[in-house]
Amino acid sequence: MKLKNRLSLYFTLISTLTMLAVLCAVYFTFIKFLEADFFDRLTDRTMVTAKLYLEADEISADSLNTVRNQYLKTLNGEVIRIYNAKNSATFIGDDQQYWSHETIEKVRKNKKIQFIDGDRQVVGIFYKDNQGDFVILASGIDQSTHLRIEKLQKIMVMIFVFIFIGLLLSGRWIAKKILRPLDRFIEDVKQIKSNNLHFRVQEGNNKDEINLLAQNFNNLMEHLEQAFVLQKTFIANASHELRTPITRMMIAAEITLSQERQIEDYKKALLSVMEDSEKMDNIITGLLNLAQADLEFGAPELQDIRIDECLWELSAEWNNKGTGKLIVDIKNMPEDPAKLLVKANPTLLTIALSNIIANAFKFSDNQDVHCLLDIQEHKTVISIKDKGPGIPENIQAEIFKPFYSFSAETGHEGNGMGLYMAHKIINLFNGTLTLSSKMGDGATFILQFPKY
């Protein structure tokens, strides 16, 4: 059963049961009300009977006739009896013993009783008079109540049927309206194929569970798209970047083995193979680092990292390589160490910073690189400045793209993946990586991390 039909059915059942309970409560309350009303009327009959027959000697004849005409309107199946102290019927001319002695004595004991006897309702009262102690019992059949109850039953059945149909239709309409975003979500999902993983379902404006489902689904699609892009990128880049050094190695080996050569020639060939192997190793390392960054793009394990300690460790590592010095300065050093924390993945952050620093050393011919850590109120800023020739303005927007390298123009070697990985990683931590450079004045890479 579809969710829409199930919701409609549940809504109709709950509403119908509630309505049925209300109708039953009204029905039985109405019956009890009419029953109590008829008991009151019977009680009035007993009191009027007592006044007419037991105290008639104390009022005038005119008053007696007035009371008779006003109150003694015969009820349906009416039976009234007045019993004396000997439990014998008296005064009313009908001396039949209509009620048993047990009932009469019960009235004497309780002073007043009322009960239902079959279709009849009975009221009995004990009346004390100067002529003696009497028991007055009156009964009747509330025929009008039976007619009203029958009409009420018919009306309630009709109301129940009409409301049930209305609830069923309205429940289906409500379920359809509520689940309309879900239908739209399903239709959007049907459009997603392997060739359009960039497609995203509509999230809508309602902040409800369906909107939450759409958001989570879009996040899932982003991760899936990233995985597919990773696969395609890795295959394409690996085949493209590894083909050149492998081809050179094969050609060099074939040429060397094509004839007998001197030992020096073999050494040169092996050195060439080693150079190409080293280049290929660097490319493989870059590709694996790129794959690691892409894999952890969707779900990084963020930690609180002391950014100053991370920079000091990198400084010690680079300064031991025999190249230029990595000089680290700190601006606005806070007294509270917690202000030095940034949310990041330590491995990926190290990769990003190392790539930027390595790039700075490479393009400045291993001159000193200056790194400035500025602890501001709402963000942490890291500026890495080199003494290289600078980067032309027309290509500054291209250097963060994968496999774009400025090395060929400057006579340096590179595979064009370092800055791309750094940019991706910094964005992963909700940070930004920008470039400021003028020709002849070096380049400054600025990293900014928000504070939480």
Protein backbone atom coordinates (compact mmCIF):
# COMPACT_ATOMS: atom_id res chain seq x y z
CA MET A 1 0.00 0.00 0.00
CA LYS A 2 1.34 3.41 -0.94
CA LEU A 3 2.27 5.80 1.82
CA LYS A 4 -0.34 8.26 0.55
CA ASN A 5 -3.15 5.70 0.87
CA ARG A 6 -1.84 4.52 4.22
CA LEU A 7 -1.79 8.04 5.65
CA SER A 8 -5.29 8.67 4.30
CA LEU A 9 -6.55 5.42 5.83
CA TYR A 10 -4.94 6.09 9.22
CA PHE A 11 -6.29 9.63 9.29
CA THR A 12 -9.79 8.43 8.38
CA LEU A 13 -9.76 5.61 10.96
CA ILE A 14 -8.55 7.83 13.80
CA SER A 15 -10.97 10.62 12.91
CA THR A 16 -13.86 8.16 12.46
CA LEU A 17 -13.21 6.45 15.78
CA THR A 18 -13.01 9.83 17.50
CA MET A 19 -16.24 10.95 15.84
CA LEU A 20 -17.93 7.64 16.76
CA ALA A 21 -16.86 8.06 20.37
CA VAL A 22 -18.24 11.62 20.42
CA LEU A 23 -21.53 10.54 18.84
CA CYS A 24 -21.91 7.68 21.31
CA ALA A 25 -21.19 10.03 24.19
CA VAL A 26 -23.79 12.50 22.89
CA TYR A 27 -26.29 9.68 22.30
CA PHE A 28 -26.04 8.17 25.77
CA THR A 29 -25.87 11.59 27.43
CA PHE A 30 -29.05 12.57 25.59
CA ILE A 31 -30.77 9.34 26.68
CA LYS A 32 -29.78 9.92 30.30
CA PHE A 33 -30.95 13.52 30.10
CA LEU A 34 -34.39 12.52 28.74
CA GLU A 35 -34.60 9.75 31.30
CA ALA A 36 -33.79 12.14 34.14
CA ASP A 37 -36.28 14.65 32.72
CA PHE A 38 -39.04 12.03 32.72
CA PHE A 39 -38.15 11.03 36.28
CA ASP A 40 -38.52 14.68 37.25
CA ARG A 41 -41.92 14.80 35.61
CA LEU A 42 -42.97 11.66 37.47
CA THR A 43 -41.73 13.19 40.69
CA ASP A 44 -43.81 16.26 39.97
CA ARG A 45 -46.81 13.93 39.44
CA THR A 46 -46.30 12.34 42.84
CA MET A 47 -46.03 15.73 44.55
CA VAL A 48 -49.09 17.10 42.76
CA THR A 49 -51.00 13.92 43.61
CA ALA A 50 -50.08 14.36 47.27
CA LYS A 51 -51.30 17.95 47.20
CA LEU A 52 -54.55 17.06 45.45
CA TYR A 53 -55.59 14.03 47.39
CA LEU A 54 -53.90 14.32 50.76
CA GLU A 55 -54.25 18.05 51.38
CA ALA A 56 -57.38 18.73 49.37
CA ASP A 57 -59.25 19.46 52.58
CA GLU A 58 -56.94 22.34 53.28
CA ILE A 59 -57.48 24.23 49.99
CA SER A 60 -60.59 25.61 48.30
CA ALA A 61 -62.47 23.80 45.57
CA ASP A 62 -61.50 26.43 43.01
CA SER A 63 -57.85 25.94 43.80
CA LEU A 64 -58.24 22.15 43.56
CA ASN A 65 -59.80 22.44 40.09
CA THR A 66 -57.07 24.83 38.97
CA VAL A 67 -54.34 22.43 40.08
CA ARG A 68 -56.06 19.50 38.42
CA ASN A 69 -56.43 21.31 35.09
CA GLN A 70 -52.84 22.58 35.16
CA TYR A 71 -50.88 19.51 36.27
CA LEU A 72 -52.91 16.36 35.86
CA LYS A 73 -52.34 15.81 32.19
CA THR A 74 -52.25 12.08 31.67
CA LEU A 75 -48.90 10.61 30.71
CA ASN A 76 -48.60 7.68 28.33
CA GLY A 77 -49.44 4.49 30.28
CA GLU A 78 -49.64 6.49 33.50
CA VAL A 79 -50.23 4.59 36.75
CA ILE A 80 -50.43 6.39 40.13
CA ARG A 81 -51.10 4.77 43.49
CA ILE A 82 -51.30 6.13 47.04
CA TYR A 83 -50.69 3.57 49.76
CA ASN A 84 -51.58 4.05 53.41
CA ALA A 85 -49.79 2.75 56.45
CA LYS A 86 -51.19 -0.74 55.78
CA ASN A 87 -49.77 -0.67 52.23
CA SER A 88 -53.27 -0.62 50.77
CA ALA A 89 -54.19 1.57 47.79
CA THR A 90 -56.51 4.42 48.73
CA PHE A 91 -57.99 7.77 47.64
CA ILE A 92 -57.83 7.23 43.88
CA GLY A 93 -60.75 4.91 43.47
CA ASP A 94 -58.56 2.14 42.07
CA ASP A 95 -57.59 -0.01 45.00
CA GLN A 96 -55.59 -2.58 43.02
CA GLN A 97 -52.31 -3.55 44.59
CA TYR A 98 -50.23 -2.46 41.57
CA TRP A 99 -46.81 -2.53 43.34
CA SER A 100 -45.58 -5.16 45.75
CA HIS A 101 -45.19 -4.70 49.49
CA GLU A 102 -41.39 -4.91 49.07
CA THR A 103 -41.37 -1.90 46.75
CA ILE A 104 -43.66 0.08 49.06
CA GLU A 105 -41.50 -0.69 52.09
CA LYS A 106 -38.40 0.29 50.14
CA VAL A 107 -39.96 3.69 49.54
CA ARG A 108 -40.74 4.04 53.26
CA LYS A 109 -37.17 3.19 54.09
CA ASN A 110 -35.40 5.39 51.51
CA LYS A 111 -38.02 8.20 51.46
CA LYS A 112 -37.64 8.41 47.67
CA ILE A 113 -36.76 5.92 44.95
CA GLN A 114 -36.73 5.85 41.17
CA PHE A 115 -36.09 2.91 38.89
CA ILE A 116 -36.82 1.49 35.47
CA ASP A 117 -39.21 -1.44 35.11
CA GLY A 118 -39.16 -2.67 31.54
CA ASP A 119 -40.39 0.20 29.34
CA ARG A 120 -41.68 2.03 32.40
CA GLN A 121 -40.01 4.54 34.65
CA VAL A 122 -41.16 4.54 38.27
CA VAL A 123 -40.89 7.17 41.02
CA GLY A 124 -41.93 6.64 44.62
CA ILE A 125 -41.97 9.13 47.50
CA PHE A 126 -42.84 8.92 51.20
CA TYR A 127 -45.29 11.64 52.21
CA LYS A 128 -46.13 12.52 55.82
CA ASP A 129 -49.54 14.10 56.32
CA ASN A 130 -51.87 14.95 59.21
CA GLN A 131 -53.99 12.06 58.02
CA GLY A 132 -51.09 9.59 58.29
CA ASP A 133 -47.98 8.36 56.50
CA PHE A 134 -48.42 7.58 52.82
CA VAL A 135 -46.39 6.18 49.93
CA ILE A 136 -47.08 7.60 46.49
CA LEU A 137 -45.86 5.68 43.44
CA ALA A 138 -46.18 6.91 39.85
CA SER A 139 -45.04 5.29 36.62
CA GLY A 140 -45.37 5.92 32.92
CA ILE A 141 -43.93 5.13 29.52
CA ASP A 142 -41.89 7.93 27.96
CA GLN A 143 -43.11 7.34 24.46
CA SER A 144 -41.89 10.73 23.22
CA THR A 145 -38.36 9.86 24.33
CA HIS A 146 -38.44 6.63 22.36
CA LEU A 147 -39.51 8.57 19.27
CA ARG A 148 -36.78 11.15 19.82
CA ILE A 149 -34.15 8.45 20.28
CA GLU A 150 -35.17 6.76 17.03
CA LYS A 151 -34.95 10.07 15.17
CA LEU A 152 -31.61 10.79 16.83
CA GLN A 153 -30.29 7.39 15.75
CA LYS A 154 -31.26 8.03 12.14
CA ILE A 155 -29.73 11.51 12.21
CA MET A 156 -26.52 10.22 13.77
CA VAL A 157 -26.22 7.41 11.22
CA MET A 158 -26.62 9.89 8.37
CA ILE A 159 -24.15 12.30 9.96
CA PHE A 160 -21.68 9.45 10.51
CA VAL A 161 -21.89 8.30 6.89
CA PHE A 162 -21.52 11.81 5.46
CA ILE A 163 -18.66 12.74 7.79
CA PHE A 164 -16.93 9.40 7.13
CA ILE A 165 -17.02 10.03 3.38
CA GLY A 166 -15.86 13.61 3.95
CA LEU A 167 -13.00 12.46 6.16
CA LEU A 168 -11.95 9.83 3.64
CA LEU A 169 -11.85 12.35 0.80
CA SER A 170 -10.26 15.12 2.86
CA GLY A 171 -7.72 12.67 4.31
CA ARG A 172 -6.69 11.62 0.82
CA TRP A 173 -6.47 15.27 -0.26
CA ILE A 174 -4.38 16.19 2.79
CA ALA A 175 -2.07 13.19 2.29
CA LYS A 176 -1.64 14.08 -1.37
CA LYS A 177 -0.86 17.71 -0.53
CA ILE A 178 1.58 16.81 2.25
CA LEU A 179 3.37 14.19 0.16
CA ARG A 180 3.51 16.29 -3.00
CA PRO A 181 7.15 17.27 -2.26
CA LEU A 182 7.91 13.56 -1.86
CA ASP A 183 6.35 12.82 -5.26
CA ARG A 184 8.46 15.61 -6.74
CA PHE A 185 11.51 14.17 -4.97
CA ILE A 186 10.82 10.72 -6.47
CA GLU A 187 10.43 12.19 -9.95
CA ASP A 188 13.72 14.06 -9.56
CA VAL A 189 15.49 10.91 -8.38
CA LYS A 190 14.26 9.03 -11.47
CA GLN A 191 16.11 11.55 -13.67
CA ILE A 192 19.51 10.81 -12.11
CA LYS A 193 21.70 8.62 -14.31
CA SER A 194 25.39 7.83 -14.39
CA ASN A 195 25.95 10.60 -16.94
CA ASN A 196 24.31 13.40 -14.91
CA LEU A 197 25.46 12.89 -11.34
CA HIS A 198 25.67 16.67 -11.04
CA PHE A 199 21.85 16.78 -10.99
CA ARG A 200 20.33 17.75 -7.61
CA VAL A 201 16.78 17.25 -6.39
CA GLN A 202 14.65 20.22 -5.39
CA GLU A 203 14.86 20.86 -1.65
CA GLY A 204 11.89 23.22 -1.36
CA ASN A 205 11.31 25.93 1.22
CA ASN A 206 9.53 23.92 3.92
CA LYS A 207 11.75 22.98 6.82
CA ASP A 208 10.25 19.52 7.23
CA GLU A 209 11.40 15.90 7.06
CA ILE A 210 11.05 15.75 3.27
CA ASN A 211 13.24 18.84 2.94
CA LEU A 212 15.76 17.18 5.27
CA LEU A 213 15.62 14.02 3.16
CA ALA A 214 16.27 16.04 -0.01
CA GLN A 215 19.22 17.83 1.62
CA ASN A 216 20.79 14.57 2.80
CA PHE A 217 20.20 12.99 -0.61
CA ASN A 218 21.90 15.93 -2.32
CA ASN A 219 24.83 15.57 0.07
CA LEU A 220 25.00 11.89 -0.81
CA MET A 221 24.91 12.74 -4.52
CA GLU A 222 27.73 15.23 -3.99
CA HIS A 223 29.84 12.50 -2.40
CA LEU A 224 28.97 10.05 -5.17
CA GLU A 225 29.77 12.62 -7.83
CA GLN A 226 33.04 13.35 -6.09
CA ALA A 227 33.86 9.62 -6.08
CA PHE A 228 33.09 9.30 -9.79
CA VAL A 229 35.08 12.43 -10.59
CA LEU A 230 37.94 11.06 -8.49
CA GLN A 231 37.89 7.82 -10.41
CA LYS A 232 37.79 9.49 -13.82
CA THR A 233 40.33 12.15 -12.86
CA PHE A 234 42.75 9.63 -11.39
CA ILE A 235 42.56 7.38 -14.45
CA ALA A 236 42.84 10.25 -16.92
CA ASN A 237 45.64 12.00 -15.05
CA ALA A 238 47.56 8.81 -14.36
CA SER A 239 47.40 7.71 -17.99
CA HIS A 240 48.39 11.18 -19.19
CA GLU A 241 51.12 12.02 -16.71
CA LEU A 242 52.71 8.58 -16.45
CA ARG A 243 52.79 7.95 -20.19
CA THR A 244 55.56 10.48 -20.90
CA PRO A 245 58.24 9.25 -18.43
CA ILE A 246 57.47 5.61 -19.23
CA THR A 247 57.79 6.29 -22.95
CA ARG A 248 61.11 8.07 -22.41
CA MET A 249 62.39 5.17 -20.28
CA MET A 250 61.40 2.63 -22.94
CA ILE A 251 62.95 4.63 -25.77
CA ALA A 252 66.18 5.16 -23.82
CA ALA A 253 66.37 1.45 -22.99
CA GLU A 254 65.70 0.39 -26.60
CA ILE A 255 68.32 2.79 -27.97
CA THR A 256 70.89 1.67 -25.43
CA LEU A 257 70.27 -2.02 -26.12
CA SER A 258 70.18 -1.62 -29.90
CA GLN A 259 73.98 -2.13 -30.06
CA GLU A 260 77.03 -2.70 -27.92
CA ARG A 261 78.12 0.47 -26.11
CA GLN A 262 80.75 1.71 -23.74
CA ILE A 263 80.30 1.51 -20.00
CA GLU A 264 79.91 5.29 -19.82
CA ASP A 265 77.01 5.11 -22.29
CA TYR A 266 75.28 2.52 -20.15
CA LYS A 267 75.78 4.71 -17.08
CA LYS A 268 74.25 7.70 -18.89
CA ALA A 269 71.29 5.57 -19.95
CA LEU A 270 70.77 4.31 -16.42
CA LEU A 271 71.00 7.84 -15.04
CA SER A 272 68.36 8.93 -17.56
CA VAL A 273 66.15 6.03 -16.49
CA MET A 274 66.65 7.00 -12.83
CA GLU A 275 65.68 10.60 -13.57
CA ASP A 276 62.54 9.50 -15.37
CA SER A 277 61.80 7.04 -12.55
CA GLU A 278 62.13 9.81 -9.99
CA LYS A 279 59.80 12.00 -12.02
CA MET A 280 57.31 9.16 -12.26
CA ASP A 281 57.58 8.58 -8.51
CA ASN A 282 56.82 12.26 -7.88
CA ILE A 283 53.83 12.09 -10.21
CA ILE A 284 52.50 8.96 -8.48
CA THR A 285 52.94 10.59 -5.08
CA GLY A 286 51.07 13.66 -6.28
CA LEU A 287 48.27 11.55 -7.73
CA LEU A 288 47.91 9.59 -4.50
CA ASN A 289 47.85 12.78 -2.45
CA LEU A 290 45.22 14.18 -4.77
CA ALA A 291 43.16 11.00 -4.39
CA GLN A 292 43.49 11.18 -0.60
CA ALA A 293 42.27 14.78 -0.59
CA ASP A 294 39.32 13.87 -2.81
CA LEU A 295 38.40 10.83 -0.76
CA GLU A 296 38.33 12.80 2.45
CA PHE A 297 36.50 15.72 0.87
CA GLY A 298 33.06 14.55 2.00
CA ALA A 299 33.78 13.35 5.52
CA PRO A 300 36.98 14.77 7.01
CA GLU A 301 37.89 13.98 10.58
CA LEU A 302 38.33 17.49 11.97
CA GLN A 303 40.36 18.11 15.09
CA ASP A 304 41.50 21.10 17.10
CA ILE A 305 45.04 21.81 15.89
CA ARG A 306 47.51 24.30 17.35
CA ILE A 307 48.37 26.11 14.13
CA ASP A 308 51.56 27.66 15.59
CA GLU A 309 52.91 24.22 16.54
CA CYS A 310 52.10 22.92 13.06
CA LEU A 311 54.07 25.78 11.47
CA TRP A 312 57.06 25.29 13.81
CA GLU A 313 57.18 21.60 12.91
CA LEU A 314 57.13 22.42 9.20
CA SER A 315 59.84 25.03 9.75
CA ALA A 316 62.09 22.49 11.47
CA GLU A 317 61.46 19.94 8.72
CA TRP A 318 62.22 22.30 5.84
CA ASN A 319 65.21 23.88 7.56
CA ASN A 320 66.81 20.42 7.83
CA LYS A 321 66.61 19.85 4.08
CA GLY A 322 69.52 22.14 3.31
CA THR A 323 67.46 24.56 1.22
CA GLY A 324 66.57 28.10 2.19
CA LYS A 325 65.09 28.86 5.60
CA LEU A 326 61.39 28.84 6.42
CA ILE A 327 61.08 31.84 8.72
CA VAL A 328 57.95 31.82 10.88
CA ASP A 329 56.70 34.96 12.64
CA ILE A 330 53.59 35.36 14.79
CA LYS A 331 51.56 38.55 14.94
CA ASN A 332 49.08 39.32 17.75
CA MET A 333 50.18 36.33 19.81
CA PRO A 334 47.26 35.65 22.20
CA GLU A 335 47.63 34.83 25.88
CA ASP A 336 44.90 32.21 25.61
CA PRO A 337 46.25 29.12 23.74
CA ALA A 338 42.70 28.22 22.68
CA LYS A 339 42.76 31.13 20.23
CA LEU A 340 45.54 29.35 18.31
CA LEU A 341 43.30 26.37 17.50
CA VAL A 342 41.85 25.70 14.06
CA LYS A 343 39.45 22.95 12.98
CA ALA A 344 41.21 20.75 10.42
CA ASN A 345 42.48 17.31 9.53
CA PRO A 346 46.16 17.26 10.56
CA THR A 347 47.37 15.08 7.65
CA LEU A 348 45.61 17.06 4.95
CA LEU A 349 46.53 20.41 6.50
CA THR A 350 50.19 19.38 6.51
CA ILE A 351 49.93 18.35 2.83
CA ALA A 352 48.37 21.70 1.91
CA LEU A 353 50.94 23.81 3.78
CA SER A 354 53.84 21.67 2.52
CA ASN A 355 52.71 22.05 -1.08
CA ILE A 356 52.52 25.84 -0.77
CA ILE A 357 55.90 26.03 0.99
CA ALA A 358 57.52 23.67 -1.55
CA ASN A 359 56.12 25.81 -4.34
CA ALA A 360 57.58 28.95 -2.70
CA PHE A 361 61.05 27.41 -2.37
CA LYS A 362 60.98 26.05 -5.93
CA PHE A 363 60.05 29.31 -7.65
CA SER A 364 62.40 31.40 -5.52
CA ASP A 365 65.37 29.08 -6.24
CA ASN A 366 65.53 27.96 -2.60
CA GLN A 367 65.70 31.44 -1.12
CA ASP A 368 64.20 32.07 2.30
CA VAL A 369 60.44 31.87 2.60
CA HIS A 370 58.62 34.01 5.15
CA CYS A 371 55.52 32.70 6.90
CA LEU A 372 53.45 35.13 9.01
CA LEU A 373 50.78 33.83 11.40
CA ASP A 374 48.27 36.57 12.28
CA ILE A 375 45.79 35.74 15.05
CA GLN A 376 42.81 38.04 14.49
CA GLU A 377 39.56 38.28 16.43
CA HIS A 378 37.33 36.35 14.01
CA LYS A 379 39.84 34.47 11.86
CA THR A 380 43.34 33.05 11.67
CA VAL A 381 45.46 34.25 8.73
CA ILE A 382 48.63 32.61 7.40
CA SER A 383 50.68 34.47 4.78
CA ILE A 384 53.43 32.57 2.93
CA LYS A 385 55.68 34.89 0.88
CA ASP A 386 58.50 33.89 -1.44
CA LYS A 387 61.20 35.88 -3.28
CA GLY A 388 60.47 34.46 -6.70
CA PRO A 389 59.74 36.32 -9.93
CA GLY A 390 56.03 36.57 -9.21
CA ILE A 391 53.05 35.21 -11.11
CA PRO A 392 51.49 37.08 -14.05
CA GLU A 393 48.04 38.41 -13.35
CA ASN A 394 46.50 36.73 -16.37
CA ILE A 395 47.27 33.22 -15.07
CA GLN A 396 46.67 33.75 -11.36
CA ALA A 397 43.15 32.36 -11.68
CA GLU A 398 44.49 29.21 -13.39
CA ILE A 399 47.12 28.05 -10.93
CA PHE A 400 44.61 26.39 -8.59
CA LYS A 401 43.28 24.15 -11.37
CA PRO A 402 44.47 20.53 -11.53
CA PHE A 403 47.59 19.87 -13.61
CA TYR A 404 48.08 23.50 -14.51
CA SER A 405 51.77 24.25 -14.06
CA PHE A 406 53.66 27.53 -14.35
CA SER A 407 56.93 25.60 -14.20
CA ALA A 408 57.60 25.43 -17.93
CA GLU A 409 57.66 29.23 -18.27
CA THR A 410 60.17 29.59 -15.41
CA GLY A 411 62.38 26.60 -16.18
CA HIS A 412 61.26 24.61 -13.14
CA GLU A 413 59.81 21.16 -13.01
CA GLY A 414 56.33 20.48 -11.69
CA ASN A 415 53.20 18.47 -12.31
CA GLY A 416 50.65 21.18 -11.50
CA MET A 417 48.91 19.35 -8.65
CA GLY A 418 50.38 20.91 -5.51
CA LEU A 419 48.39 24.17 -5.45
CA TYR A 420 45.25 22.39 -6.66
CA MET A 421 45.43 20.01 -3.70
CA ALA A 422 46.20 22.84 -1.29
CA HIS A 423 43.22 24.86 -2.54
CA LYS A 424 40.89 21.86 -2.28
CA ILE A 425 42.07 20.99 1.24
CA ILE A 426 41.78 24.55 2.56
CA ASN A 427 38.23 24.80 1.17
CA LEU A 428 37.49 21.51 2.84
CA PHE A 429 38.11 23.17 6.22
CA ASN A 430 35.83 26.14 5.35
CA GLY A 431 38.91 28.26 4.78
CA THR A 432 40.07 30.28 1.80
CA LEU A 433 43.31 30.31 -0.20
CA THR A 434 44.08 33.40 -2.25
CA LEU A 435 47.06 34.76 -4.11
CA SER A 436 48.63 38.20 -4.13
CA SER A 437 51.50 38.69 -6.57
CA LYS A 438 53.25 41.28 -8.68
CA MET A 439 55.85 40.52 -11.30
CA GLY A 440 59.32 40.96 -9.84
CA ASP A 441 58.03 41.10 -6.26
CA GLY A 442 57.41 37.42 -5.48
CA ALA A 443 54.11 35.80 -4.58
CA THR A 444 52.14 35.71 -1.33
CA PHE A 445 49.67 32.92 -0.62
CA ILE A 446 47.11 33.89 2.03
CA LEU A 447 45.26 31.22 4.00
CA GLN A 448 42.31 32.23 6.18
CA PHE A 449 40.56 29.95 8.68
CA PRO A 450 37.36 30.97 10.49
CA LYS A 451 37.11 30.80 14.28
CA TYR A 452 34.28 28.79 15.83
